[in-house]
Amino acid sequence: IGWIIGAFVLMATIGLLTTSAIFCTAFVRIRGNLSLKVSAGVGLGVLMFQYGVFEWALEYELYRGLPFSEGGLADW
């Protein structure tokens, strides 16, 4: 439950693109018990994949988070 709540709070505050990378990095580090270097590589890979597919190829802007959106909380 903590992972889900943490991901939801991060999505609301800093957006989907960065949250996915942070979530994957933390999950691989903590649950996978791998090194920080490997975990950061996984997070960077997720970030590059999402940016490449959604932002660049599909020209679809992923949610940026409350502080970075025009309407703020009203967008929710």
Protein backbone atom coordinates (compact mmCIF):
# COMPACT_ATOMS: atom_id res chain seq x y z
CA ILE A 1 0.00 0.00 0.00
CA GLY A 2 2.85 2.37 0.81
CA TRP A 3 4.28 2.06 -2.70
CA ILE A 4 0.92 2.99 -4.24
CA ILE A 5 0.35 5.94 -1.92
CA GLY A 6 3.88 7.18 -2.49
CA ALA A 7 3.52 6.93 -6.25
CA PHE A 8 0.19 8.76 -6.18
CA VAL A 9 1.58 11.61 -4.05
CA LEU A 10 4.61 11.96 -6.30
CA MET A 11 2.43 11.93 -9.44
CA ALA A 12 0.27 14.69 -8.03
CA THR A 13 3.23 16.86 -7.09
CA ILE A 14 5.94 16.30 -9.70
CA GLY A 15 4.14 14.57 -12.56
CA LEU A 16 4.04 11.22 -14.27
CA LEU A 17 7.28 11.37 -16.23
CA THR A 18 9.61 11.91 -13.28
CA THR A 19 7.56 9.81 -10.86
CA SER A 20 7.90 6.72 -13.01
CA ALA A 21 11.68 7.04 -13.07
CA ILE A 22 11.90 7.63 -9.31
CA PHE A 23 9.49 4.79 -8.56
CA CYS A 24 11.40 2.31 -10.74
CA THR A 25 14.74 3.37 -9.28
CA ALA A 26 13.49 2.99 -5.69
CA PHE A 27 11.71 -0.29 -6.38
CA VAL A 28 14.73 -1.91 -8.05
CA ARG A 29 17.02 -0.63 -5.28
CA ILE A 30 14.85 -1.65 -2.33
CA ARG A 31 12.89 -4.69 -3.51
CA GLY A 32 15.41 -5.97 -6.07
CA ASN A 33 18.33 -5.37 -3.73
CA LEU A 34 20.53 -4.18 -6.59
CA SER A 35 23.21 -1.51 -6.53
CA LEU A 36 22.40 2.17 -6.77
CA LYS A 37 24.18 2.33 -10.12
CA VAL A 38 21.97 -0.40 -11.63
CA SER A 39 18.85 1.10 -10.07
CA ALA A 40 19.64 4.55 -11.44
CA GLY A 41 20.24 2.99 -14.86
CA VAL A 42 16.80 1.37 -14.77
CA GLY A 43 15.20 4.68 -13.76
CA LEU A 44 17.04 6.53 -16.51
CA GLY A 45 16.01 3.89 -19.03
CA VAL A 46 12.35 4.27 -18.05
CA LEU A 47 12.62 8.06 -18.27
CA MET A 48 14.23 7.93 -21.72
CA PHE A 49 11.69 5.39 -22.99
CA GLN A 50 8.70 7.40 -21.79
CA TYR A 51 10.10 10.65 -23.10
CA GLY A 52 10.99 9.11 -26.44
CA VAL A 53 7.66 7.41 -26.98
CA PHE A 54 5.16 9.86 -25.50
CA GLU A 55 6.77 13.28 -25.61
CA TRP A 56 8.83 12.99 -28.78
CA ALA A 57 7.29 10.35 -31.07
CA LEU A 58 3.61 10.74 -30.18
CA GLU A 59 3.85 14.43 -29.23
CA TYR A 60 1.69 13.70 -26.19
CA GLU A 61 2.50 15.77 -23.12
CA LEU A 62 2.39 13.67 -19.97
CA TYR A 63 0.98 15.18 -16.77
CA ARG A 64 3.54 17.54 -15.21
CA GLY A 65 2.21 17.81 -11.64
CA LEU A 66 0.29 20.41 -9.68
CA PRO A 67 3.02 23.08 -9.44
CA PHE A 68 3.75 22.88 -13.17
CA SER A 69 0.20 22.80 -14.59
CA GLU A 70 -1.80 25.88 -15.53
CA GLY A 71 -4.93 25.09 -13.54
CA GLY A 72 -3.14 23.50 -10.57
CA LEU A 73 -5.55 21.53 -8.41
CA ALA A 74 -8.49 22.52 -10.62
CA ASP A 75 -7.10 20.25 -13.38
CA TRP A 76 -7.82 17.25 -11.18
